[in-house]
Amino acid sequence: MTGKISEDPDRVVNGSEKFAAAAGGSNFGILASSIATYLASLAQTLTNKTINAANNTISGLTTAMFAANVVDADSTFAADSDTRIPTQKAVKTATDALSSGLSGKADTSSLAAVATSGNYSDLSGTPTLGAMAAKDDVGIADIDATGTPSSSTYLRGDGSWQTPAGGGGGIEGPVSSTDSGFARWDGTDGGSLKDGAATIALGSEVSGTLPVANGGTGYTGGAFTTASGAVLKNQAGTNFGSGSYSYSYIVIGKLCIVSGRATVTTLAPNSGSDQVSIPLPINSLSNGSFTCRNTANGRIADGRTIATSPTALIYDSVGLSDGAYFDFTIIYETI
């Protein structure tokens, strides 16, 4: 090989250079590109090298070349790892196990018919999903429960038909009702109610007083009322010579209680009366009777109330006299 070899540390090798070589007693030059091609054909072991996969082609890889536990053939995926790659067989085995509960597989060729009709029954080879899955409406017979369903039982949370405590009768009512009204039985079967006409004021009910209009007393613990005036000879209204009455009374519901005294001071000449007429505070519902005492002579006298009239009559069978007076207590039902 001729020529002078010079030193140039900044020289960039581009493959066209020749390197001196000797073989079989001969000297010659070899292109740098030829040397590179030769070296590339040799098997090499790389240590601590970084390979850019974007700029290199790696071929001939097999699963056996991966490190242990990188490729995982366990179809149960027990490792539950983010760094393992499942094999195709493991994935297929797992998905087959998930679908093993379906007894059939849908025929994809029938999907067009289903898309047009919207009916599940048009899907060929439909999987068996159970009787309830293919129904639009679920009936009592479709419910899997113990016991016997009937009009007198209900489905309990534990999946059994049970009879309500206290009997199995249900109660039906009207479509409308009176506000604050009472419900009344409709018939004798114990299963129907009807609206009641009576109402109740909740405020008075809570206080313990039921209004008279609702069948109560209406009494709220008030005081007695007093009344007084002149007594009369008879129901027609004839006056005595002189006489008076005074009493206290109270009304509780439809009952009136009157307690007081009637006095005959002097009789008019030729009055000849044996009765005293006293006006009552409220009309009596019906004829009634009571007894009282002629305190002046100790005799028992009879009395009665007059129906639909605010009048009580007291009789003395012996006859009245000057100074006679009667102590009485009358309890009667008002109109």
Protein backbone atom coordinates (compact mmCIF):
# COMPACT_ATOMS: atom_id res chain seq x y z
CA MET A 1 0.00 0.00 0.00
CA THR A 2 1.52 3.31 -1.06
CA GLY A 3 1.04 6.78 0.21
CA LYS A 4 1.63 8.61 3.40
CA ILE A 5 -0.52 8.08 6.46
CA SER A 6 -1.33 11.39 8.15
CA GLU A 7 -2.85 11.97 11.54
CA ASP A 8 -6.14 13.96 11.59
CA PRO A 9 -8.09 13.64 14.88
CA ASP A 10 -11.02 15.68 13.49
CA ARG A 11 -11.61 13.48 10.49
CA VAL A 12 -15.20 12.08 10.22
CA VAL A 13 -15.44 8.54 8.84
CA ASN A 14 -18.12 8.26 6.12
CA GLY A 15 -17.43 4.71 4.84
CA SER A 16 -15.38 5.67 1.81
CA GLU A 17 -12.10 5.52 3.71
CA LYS A 18 -9.72 2.61 3.41
CA PHE A 19 -7.91 0.92 6.18
CA ALA A 20 -4.55 -0.81 5.64
CA ALA A 21 -4.61 -4.56 5.85
CA ALA A 22 -2.29 -7.44 5.10
CA ALA A 23 -3.11 -10.99 4.18
CA GLY A 24 -1.01 -13.75 2.60
CA GLY A 25 2.03 -11.50 2.41
CA SER A 26 0.14 -8.85 0.47
CA ASN A 27 -0.77 -5.36 1.61
CA PHE A 28 -4.05 -3.75 0.56
CA GLY A 29 -6.74 -1.28 1.67
CA ILE A 30 -10.27 -2.17 2.89
CA LEU A 31 -13.19 0.26 2.76
CA ALA A 32 -14.59 1.25 6.12
CA SER A 33 -18.13 0.42 4.87
CA SER A 34 -16.98 -3.14 4.09
CA ILE A 35 -15.66 -3.52 7.60
CA ALA A 36 -18.98 -2.29 9.03
CA THR A 37 -20.96 -4.77 6.93
CA TYR A 38 -18.80 -7.59 8.12
CA LEU A 39 -19.05 -6.68 11.75
CA ALA A 40 -22.87 -6.44 11.48
CA SER A 41 -23.03 -10.01 10.22
CA LEU A 42 -21.37 -11.29 13.36
CA ALA A 43 -23.51 -12.41 16.40
CA GLN A 44 -23.12 -9.97 19.26
CA THR A 45 -24.00 -9.96 22.89
CA LEU A 46 -25.21 -6.55 24.04
CA THR A 47 -24.75 -5.54 27.63
CA ASN A 48 -26.17 -2.39 29.25
CA LYS A 49 -27.37 -1.10 25.89
CA THR A 50 -30.51 0.92 25.19
CA ILE A 51 -32.38 -0.03 22.03
CA ASN A 52 -34.77 2.53 20.56
CA ALA A 53 -37.65 0.41 19.31
CA ALA A 54 -38.89 3.26 17.12
CA ASN A 55 -35.70 3.22 15.11
CA ASN A 56 -34.99 -0.51 15.11
CA THR A 57 -36.73 -3.67 13.99
CA ILE A 58 -36.71 -6.56 16.42
CA SER A 59 -37.65 -9.86 14.85
CA GLY A 60 -37.76 -13.48 15.86
CA LEU A 61 -39.11 -12.88 19.37
CA THR A 62 -40.85 -15.82 21.07
CA THR A 63 -42.62 -16.03 24.43
CA ALA A 64 -39.78 -18.16 25.70
CA MET A 65 -37.47 -15.16 25.35
CA PHE A 66 -39.39 -13.12 27.95
CA ALA A 67 -38.35 -13.08 31.57
CA ALA A 68 -40.16 -15.35 34.02
CA ASN A 69 -43.79 -14.33 34.89
CA VAL A 70 -44.05 -11.78 32.09
CA VAL A 71 -46.20 -14.10 29.95
CA ASP A 72 -48.98 -15.63 32.11
CA ALA A 73 -50.97 -18.70 30.99
CA ASP A 74 -53.21 -18.80 34.10
CA SER A 75 -56.86 -18.48 32.95
CA THR A 76 -58.00 -17.60 36.46
CA PHE A 77 -55.73 -14.52 36.53
CA ALA A 78 -54.89 -15.30 40.14
CA ALA A 79 -51.86 -12.97 40.15
CA ASP A 80 -54.14 -9.98 39.46
CA SER A 81 -51.08 -8.14 38.12
CA ASP A 82 -50.62 -5.04 35.95
CA THR A 83 -47.22 -6.29 34.67
CA ARG A 84 -48.18 -9.71 33.24
CA ILE A 85 -49.40 -10.49 29.70
CA PRO A 86 -52.08 -13.25 29.47
CA THR A 87 -51.79 -15.78 26.67
CA GLN A 88 -54.48 -16.16 24.02
CA LYS A 89 -55.46 -19.54 25.46
CA ALA A 90 -55.81 -18.13 28.96
CA VAL A 91 -58.10 -15.34 27.71
CA LYS A 92 -60.26 -17.78 25.71
CA THR A 93 -60.58 -20.18 28.62
CA ALA A 94 -61.67 -17.36 30.92
CA THR A 95 -64.28 -15.92 28.53
CA ASP A 96 -65.66 -19.40 27.76
CA ALA A 97 -66.15 -19.95 31.47
CA LEU A 98 -68.07 -16.68 31.79
CA SER A 99 -70.47 -17.61 28.99
CA SER A 100 -70.92 -21.23 30.03
CA GLY A 101 -74.15 -20.33 31.89
CA LEU A 102 -75.92 -19.56 28.60
CA SER A 103 -77.40 -22.62 26.99
CA GLY A 104 -77.40 -21.11 23.50
CA LYS A 105 -75.75 -18.45 21.43
CA ALA A 106 -77.54 -15.83 19.39
CA ASP A 107 -77.25 -16.10 15.62
CA THR A 108 -75.85 -12.77 14.44
CA SER A 109 -77.52 -13.22 11.05
CA SER A 110 -80.89 -12.52 12.71
CA LEU A 111 -79.84 -9.18 14.21
CA ALA A 112 -81.22 -7.33 11.18
CA ALA A 113 -84.68 -8.82 11.78
CA VAL A 114 -84.55 -7.81 15.43
CA ALA A 115 -83.50 -4.30 14.47
CA THR A 116 -86.60 -4.03 12.25
CA SER A 117 -89.19 -5.65 14.54
CA GLY A 118 -87.78 -4.83 17.93
CA ASN A 119 -88.93 -8.25 19.17
CA TYR A 120 -86.61 -10.41 21.21
CA SER A 121 -88.33 -13.52 19.86
CA ASP A 122 -86.98 -12.76 16.33
CA LEU A 123 -83.41 -13.39 17.49
CA SER A 124 -82.37 -16.83 16.20
CA GLY A 125 -80.56 -19.15 18.57
CA THR A 126 -81.40 -16.97 21.55
CA PRO A 127 -79.69 -17.83 24.80
CA THR A 128 -81.91 -19.22 27.53
CA LEU A 129 -82.20 -16.32 29.94
CA GLY A 130 -85.09 -17.68 32.03
CA ALA A 131 -88.85 -17.32 31.69
CA MET A 132 -89.07 -13.84 33.22
CA ALA A 133 -86.38 -12.32 30.95
CA ALA A 134 -88.47 -12.91 27.82
CA LYS A 135 -91.69 -11.38 29.24
CA ASP A 136 -93.02 -7.87 29.01
CA ASP A 137 -95.27 -8.38 32.06
CA VAL A 138 -94.52 -10.45 35.14
CA GLY A 139 -97.50 -12.19 36.74
CA ILE A 140 -98.04 -13.68 40.19
CA ALA A 141 -97.29 -17.16 38.80
CA ASP A 142 -93.83 -15.97 37.67
CA ILE A 143 -92.76 -15.02 41.20
CA ASP A 144 -90.62 -17.69 42.84
CA ALA A 145 -91.90 -17.69 46.41
CA THR A 146 -93.09 -20.15 49.02
CA GLY A 147 -96.67 -20.31 50.25
CA THR A 148 -99.89 -19.73 48.36
CA PRO A 149 -100.79 -16.34 46.84
CA SER A 150 -104.41 -15.28 47.33
CA SER A 151 -106.58 -12.25 47.96
CA SER A 152 -105.90 -12.59 51.69
CA THR A 153 -102.08 -12.95 51.58
CA TYR A 154 -99.13 -10.68 50.84
CA LEU A 155 -95.56 -11.28 49.59
CA ARG A 156 -93.12 -10.79 52.46
CA GLY A 157 -89.51 -9.71 52.06
CA ASP A 158 -88.18 -13.20 52.70
CA GLY A 159 -89.89 -14.48 49.54
CA SER A 160 -92.94 -16.09 51.13
CA TRP A 161 -96.68 -15.49 50.89
CA GLN A 162 -98.03 -14.66 54.35
CA THR A 163 -101.40 -13.86 55.94
CA PRO A 164 -101.43 -10.44 57.68
CA ALA A 165 -101.48 -10.54 61.47
CA GLY A 166 -105.02 -10.30 62.78
CA GLY A 167 -106.59 -11.88 59.70
CA GLY A 168 -106.37 -11.74 55.97
CA GLY A 169 -109.26 -9.39 55.24
CA GLY A 170 -108.53 -6.26 53.24
CA ILE A 171 -110.54 -3.05 53.62
CA GLU A 172 -111.81 -1.01 50.71
CA GLY A 173 -113.08 2.54 50.89
CA PRO A 174 -114.83 5.14 48.73
CA VAL A 175 -112.99 7.21 46.13
CA SER A 176 -113.70 10.39 48.13
CA SER A 177 -114.46 11.27 51.73
CA THR A 178 -115.55 14.12 54.01
CA ASP A 179 -112.67 16.03 55.51
CA SER A 180 -112.36 15.24 59.26
CA GLY A 181 -115.33 12.87 58.90
CA PHE A 182 -115.90 9.44 60.38
CA ALA A 183 -115.51 6.19 58.46
CA ARG A 184 -118.40 3.73 58.83
CA TRP A 185 -118.68 0.05 57.93
CA ASP A 186 -120.48 -0.60 54.66
CA GLY A 187 -122.14 -4.02 54.97
CA THR A 188 -121.34 -6.94 57.25
CA ASP A 189 -118.36 -8.56 55.53
CA GLY A 190 -115.78 -6.41 57.33
CA GLY A 191 -114.15 -5.43 54.06
CA SER A 192 -115.69 -2.10 53.03
CA LEU A 193 -115.99 1.35 54.57
CA LYS A 194 -118.18 4.26 53.57
CA ASP A 195 -118.01 7.97 54.26
CA GLY A 196 -119.76 9.24 57.39
CA ALA A 197 -121.62 12.54 57.44
CA ALA A 198 -120.51 13.56 60.94
CA THR A 199 -117.29 15.52 61.36
CA ILE A 200 -115.17 16.34 64.35
CA ALA A 201 -113.08 19.38 65.24
CA LEU A 202 -109.68 18.00 66.11
CA GLY A 203 -108.94 20.86 68.45
CA SER A 204 -111.89 20.06 70.71
CA GLU A 205 -111.23 16.34 70.47
CA VAL A 206 -107.69 16.78 71.71
CA SER A 207 -108.91 18.90 74.62
CA GLY A 208 -111.30 16.11 75.60
CA THR A 209 -114.53 17.83 74.54
CA LEU A 210 -116.67 16.37 71.79
CA PRO A 211 -119.03 18.96 70.27
CA VAL A 212 -122.76 18.44 70.69
CA ALA A 213 -123.18 18.29 66.90
CA ASN A 214 -120.94 15.23 66.91
CA GLY A 215 -122.84 13.44 69.64
CA GLY A 216 -120.77 14.72 72.56
CA THR A 217 -121.56 16.80 75.61
CA GLY A 218 -119.91 20.03 74.61
CA TYR A 219 -119.26 20.61 78.33
CA THR A 220 -115.99 22.37 79.03
CA GLY A 221 -116.35 22.73 82.80
CA GLY A 222 -118.12 26.10 82.79
CA ALA A 223 -120.09 27.58 85.73
CA PHE A 224 -123.83 27.30 86.36
CA THR A 225 -126.10 30.06 85.13
CA THR A 226 -128.65 31.62 87.48
CA ALA A 227 -132.19 32.69 86.66
CA SER A 228 -135.13 34.08 88.64
CA GLY A 229 -138.60 35.50 88.17
CA ALA A 230 -142.26 35.26 89.17
CA VAL A 231 -143.94 31.88 89.43
CA LEU A 232 -147.21 31.32 87.56
CA LYS A 233 -150.40 29.59 88.57
CA ASN A 234 -150.52 27.28 85.57
CA GLN A 235 -149.15 26.65 82.13
CA ALA A 236 -151.50 29.27 80.63
CA GLY A 237 -149.66 31.95 82.54
CA THR A 238 -152.12 33.10 85.23
CA ASN A 239 -150.36 34.96 88.05
CA PHE A 240 -150.55 34.15 91.73
CA GLY A 241 -151.10 36.89 94.19
CA SER A 242 -147.31 36.84 94.65
CA GLY A 243 -144.57 34.27 94.28
CA SER A 244 -141.12 33.81 92.83
CA TYR A 245 -138.53 31.31 91.72
CA SER A 246 -134.75 31.24 91.53
CA TYR A 247 -132.50 28.49 90.26
CA SER A 248 -129.13 27.67 88.75
CA TYR A 249 -128.75 25.57 85.64
CA ILE A 250 -126.17 24.11 83.32
CA VAL A 251 -126.46 22.46 79.90
CA ILE A 252 -124.22 19.48 79.17
CA GLY A 253 -124.75 18.21 75.67
CA LYS A 254 -128.50 17.70 75.40
CA LEU A 255 -129.08 17.44 79.13
CA CYS A 256 -130.18 20.39 81.21
CA ILE A 257 -129.81 20.34 85.01
CA VAL A 258 -131.89 22.86 86.99
CA SER A 259 -131.76 23.19 90.78
CA GLY A 260 -133.55 25.84 92.85
CA ARG A 261 -136.69 26.93 94.82
CA ALA A 262 -140.21 28.09 93.94
CA THR A 263 -142.09 30.13 96.58
CA VAL A 264 -145.80 31.04 96.88
CA THR A 265 -145.90 34.09 99.14
CA THR A 266 -149.64 34.82 99.05
CA LEU A 267 -152.47 33.36 97.05
CA ALA A 268 -154.89 35.56 95.20
CA PRO A 269 -158.48 35.31 96.42
CA ASN A 270 -160.30 32.27 95.03
CA SER A 271 -157.24 31.10 93.09
CA GLY A 272 -157.99 27.48 93.91
CA SER A 273 -154.77 26.27 92.28
CA ASP A 274 -152.79 23.22 93.28
CA GLN A 275 -149.83 23.70 90.92
CA VAL A 276 -146.93 26.04 90.38
CA SER A 277 -145.62 26.77 86.90
CA ILE A 278 -141.89 27.52 86.46
CA PRO A 279 -140.30 28.60 83.17
CA LEU A 280 -137.31 26.44 82.16
CA PRO A 281 -134.20 27.82 80.42
CA ILE A 282 -134.51 25.51 77.36
CA ASN A 283 -137.42 23.63 75.78
CA SER A 284 -137.87 20.05 76.92
CA LEU A 285 -137.72 17.30 74.29
CA SER A 286 -140.55 15.27 75.83
CA ASN A 287 -142.87 14.94 78.81
CA GLY A 288 -140.92 13.97 81.89
CA SER A 289 -141.48 13.57 85.63
CA PHE A 290 -139.57 14.47 88.80
CA THR A 291 -140.24 14.75 92.53
CA CYS A 292 -139.57 17.61 94.91
CA ARG A 293 -140.44 18.61 98.48
CA ASN A 294 -142.83 21.20 99.82
CA THR A 295 -140.37 22.30 102.42
CA ALA A 296 -142.98 24.36 104.27
CA ASN A 297 -144.99 21.31 105.36
CA GLY A 298 -142.60 18.49 104.46
CA ARG A 299 -144.86 16.90 101.86
CA ILE A 300 -143.52 15.31 98.69
CA ALA A 301 -144.78 16.98 95.53
CA ASP A 302 -144.80 15.70 91.99
CA GLY A 303 -143.49 17.57 88.97
CA ARG A 304 -143.35 17.15 85.24
CA THR A 305 -141.85 18.81 82.18
CA ILE A 306 -143.97 19.63 79.16
CA ALA A 307 -142.87 18.35 75.73
CA THR A 308 -141.57 21.07 73.34
CA SER A 309 -142.24 23.65 76.06
CA PRO A 310 -139.93 25.57 78.42
CA THR A 311 -142.22 24.83 81.38
CA ALA A 312 -142.10 22.69 84.53
CA LEU A 313 -145.21 22.15 86.70
CA ILE A 314 -145.13 21.27 90.41
CA TYR A 315 -148.25 19.72 91.98
CA ASP A 316 -149.29 19.63 95.63
CA SER A 317 -152.17 17.17 96.03
CA VAL A 318 -153.40 18.85 99.23
CA GLY A 319 -153.41 22.29 97.69
CA LEU A 320 -151.28 25.37 97.91
CA SER A 321 -151.20 27.78 100.82
CA ASP A 322 -149.56 31.04 101.66
CA GLY A 323 -145.86 30.55 102.35
CA ALA A 324 -145.51 27.27 100.49
CA TYR A 325 -142.15 26.74 98.82
CA PHE A 326 -140.68 23.85 96.87
CA ASP A 327 -137.02 22.81 96.58
CA PHE A 328 -136.41 20.98 93.32
CA THR A 329 -133.79 19.47 91.02
CA ILE A 330 -134.85 18.78 87.44
CA ILE A 331 -132.80 16.87 84.88
CA TYR A 332 -134.30 16.73 81.42
CA GLU A 333 -133.36 16.24 77.76
CA THR A 334 -133.54 19.32 75.61
CA ILE A 335 -134.67 19.63 72.04
